[in-house]
């Protein structure tokens, strides 16, 4: 019986750690995606501004 309780606690800790890691990966991907989007928008705006100057 004691072994089963220890195994249950281990499973709970494993699932909790897995959940936290997945949440952290999701948050990191949102930040990276936002940074890439800003960089892309800035590049697009600079290209548009340079094409407006030559016209």
N, C-alpha and C. Protein backbone atom coordinates (compact mmCIF):
# COMPACT_ATOMS: atom_id res chain seq x y z
N UNK A 1 0.83 -1.21 0.00
CA UNK A 1 0.00 0.00 0.00
C UNK A 1 0.86 1.26 0.00
N UNK A 2 1.92 1.25 0.82
CA UNK A 2 2.81 2.42 0.89
C UNK A 2 3.47 2.66 -0.47
N UNK A 3 3.84 1.58 -1.13
CA UNK A 3 4.47 1.71 -2.45
C UNK A 3 3.54 2.34 -3.46
N UNK A 4 2.26 2.01 -3.38
CA UNK A 4 1.29 2.59 -4.31
C UNK A 4 1.11 4.08 -4.07
N UNK A 5 1.11 4.49 -2.81
CA UNK A 5 0.97 5.91 -2.49
C UNK A 5 2.19 6.69 -2.98
N UNK A 6 3.37 6.10 -2.79
CA UNK A 6 4.59 6.74 -3.28
C UNK A 6 4.60 6.83 -4.79
N UNK A 7 4.10 5.78 -5.44
CA UNK A 7 4.04 5.80 -6.89
C UNK A 7 3.03 6.84 -7.38
N UNK A 8 1.91 6.97 -6.67
CA UNK A 8 0.91 7.97 -7.03
C UNK A 8 1.49 9.38 -6.88
N UNK A 9 2.21 9.61 -5.80
CA UNK A 9 2.82 10.92 -5.60
C UNK A 9 3.85 11.21 -6.69
N UNK A 10 4.60 10.21 -7.07
CA UNK A 10 5.58 10.37 -8.15
C UNK A 10 4.91 10.70 -9.47
N UNK A 11 3.80 10.04 -9.75
CA UNK A 11 3.05 10.33 -10.98
C UNK A 11 2.48 11.74 -10.98
N UNK A 12 1.98 12.16 -9.83
CA UNK A 12 1.43 13.53 -9.72
C UNK A 12 2.53 14.55 -9.94
N UNK A 13 3.69 14.33 -9.33
CA UNK A 13 4.81 15.26 -9.52
C UNK A 13 5.29 15.27 -10.97
N UNK A 14 5.32 14.10 -11.59
CA UNK A 14 5.74 14.01 -12.99
C UNK A 14 4.77 14.78 -13.90
N UNK A 15 3.48 14.58 -13.70
CA UNK A 15 2.49 15.27 -14.53
C UNK A 15 2.52 16.78 -14.27
N UNK A 16 2.72 17.19 -13.01
CA UNK A 16 2.79 18.62 -12.70
C UNK A 16 4.01 19.25 -13.36
N UNK A 17 5.15 18.56 -13.31
CA UNK A 17 6.37 19.08 -13.95
C UNK A 17 6.18 19.17 -15.46
N UNK A 18 5.55 18.16 -16.04
CA UNK A 18 5.30 18.16 -17.48
C UNK A 18 4.37 19.32 -17.86
N UNK A 19 3.36 19.58 -17.05
CA UNK A 19 2.43 20.67 -17.31
C UNK A 19 3.15 22.02 -17.24
N UNK A 20 3.99 22.20 -16.23
CA UNK A 20 4.72 23.47 -16.08
C UNK A 20 5.66 23.67 -17.25
N UNK A 21 6.33 22.62 -17.69
CA UNK A 21 7.24 22.74 -18.84
C UNK A 21 6.47 23.12 -20.10
N UNK A 22 5.31 22.52 -20.30
CA UNK A 22 4.50 22.85 -21.48
C UNK A 22 4.02 24.31 -21.43
N UNK A 23 3.62 24.79 -20.27
CA UNK A 23 3.21 26.18 -20.13
C UNK A 23 4.38 27.11 -20.42
N UNK A 24 5.56 26.78 -19.90
CA UNK A 24 6.74 27.61 -20.16
C UNK A 24 7.10 27.63 -21.64
N UNK A 25 6.99 26.49 -22.30
CA UNK A 25 7.26 26.45 -23.75
C UNK A 25 6.25 27.29 -24.51
N UNK A 26 5.00 27.26 -24.09
CA UNK A 26 3.97 28.06 -24.74
C UNK A 26 4.26 29.55 -24.57
N UNK A 27 4.62 29.96 -23.36
CA UNK A 27 4.93 31.37 -23.10
C UNK A 27 6.14 31.82 -23.91
N UNK A 28 7.18 30.98 -23.94
CA UNK A 28 8.38 31.32 -24.72
C UNK A 28 8.06 31.45 -26.20
N UNK A 29 7.23 30.56 -26.71
CA UNK A 29 6.90 30.64 -28.13
C UNK A 29 6.09 31.89 -28.45
N UNK A 30 5.24 32.33 -27.52
CA UNK A 30 4.50 33.57 -27.74
C UNK A 30 5.45 34.75 -27.80
N UNK A 31 6.43 34.80 -26.90
CA UNK A 31 7.39 35.90 -26.91
C UNK A 31 8.25 35.89 -28.17
N UNK A 32 8.71 34.71 -28.58
CA UNK A 32 9.53 34.62 -29.79
C UNK A 32 8.70 35.01 -31.02
N UNK A 33 7.47 34.55 -31.06
CA UNK A 33 6.60 34.91 -32.18
C UNK A 33 6.34 36.41 -32.24
N UNK A 34 6.14 37.02 -31.08
CA UNK A 34 5.94 38.47 -31.04
C UNK A 34 7.17 39.23 -31.51
N UNK A 35 8.35 38.77 -31.10
CA UNK A 35 9.58 39.42 -31.51
C UNK A 35 9.79 39.29 -33.02
N UNK A 36 9.52 38.10 -33.55
CA UNK A 36 9.66 37.91 -34.99
C UNK A 36 8.66 38.75 -35.76
N UNK A 37 7.46 38.87 -35.22
CA UNK A 37 6.43 39.68 -35.89
C UNK A 37 6.84 41.15 -35.92
N UNK A 38 7.37 41.66 -34.80
CA UNK A 38 7.82 43.06 -34.76
C UNK A 38 8.94 43.29 -35.75
N UNK A 39 9.88 42.33 -35.83
CA UNK A 39 10.99 42.46 -36.75
C UNK A 39 10.49 42.46 -38.19
N UNK A 40 9.56 41.58 -38.50
CA UNK A 40 9.00 41.51 -39.84
C UNK A 40 8.24 42.78 -40.19
N UNK A 41 7.45 43.29 -39.24
CA UNK A 41 6.70 44.52 -39.49
C UNK A 41 7.63 45.71 -39.69
N UNK A 42 8.71 45.76 -38.91
CA UNK A 42 9.67 46.86 -39.05
C UNK A 42 10.35 46.80 -40.41
N UNK A 43 10.71 45.59 -40.84
CA UNK A 43 11.35 45.44 -42.15
C UNK A 43 10.39 45.84 -43.26
N UNK A 44 9.13 45.45 -43.12
CA UNK A 44 8.12 45.79 -44.12
C UNK A 44 7.89 47.30 -44.17
N UNK A 45 7.85 47.94 -43.00
CA UNK A 45 7.64 49.39 -42.95
C UNK A 45 8.83 50.13 -43.55
N UNK A 46 10.04 49.65 -43.29
CA UNK A 46 11.23 50.30 -43.85
C UNK A 46 11.25 50.15 -45.38
N UNK A 47 10.85 49.00 -45.86
CA UNK A 47 10.82 48.78 -47.30
C UNK A 47 9.76 49.67 -47.94
N UNK A 48 8.62 49.79 -47.29
CA UNK A 48 7.54 50.63 -47.80
C UNK A 48 7.95 52.11 -47.78
N UNK A 49 8.65 52.50 -46.73
CA UNK A 49 9.09 53.90 -46.63
C UNK A 49 10.12 54.22 -47.71
N UNK A 50 11.01 53.28 -47.99
CA UNK A 50 12.02 53.53 -49.01
C UNK A 50 11.38 53.56 -50.41
N UNK A 51 10.34 52.78 -50.62
CA UNK A 51 9.69 52.82 -51.93
C UNK A 51 8.88 54.10 -52.09
N UNK A 52 8.37 54.66 -50.99
CA UNK A 52 7.64 55.93 -51.08
C UNK A 52 8.57 57.10 -51.34
N UNK A 53 9.80 57.03 -50.88
CA UNK A 53 10.76 58.10 -51.09
C UNK A 53 11.18 58.17 -52.56
N UNK A 54 11.35 57.01 -53.19
CA UNK A 54 11.81 56.99 -54.58
C UNK A 54 10.71 57.39 -55.56
N UNK A 55 9.47 57.34 -55.12
CA UNK A 55 8.38 57.68 -56.03
C UNK A 55 8.16 59.15 -56.16
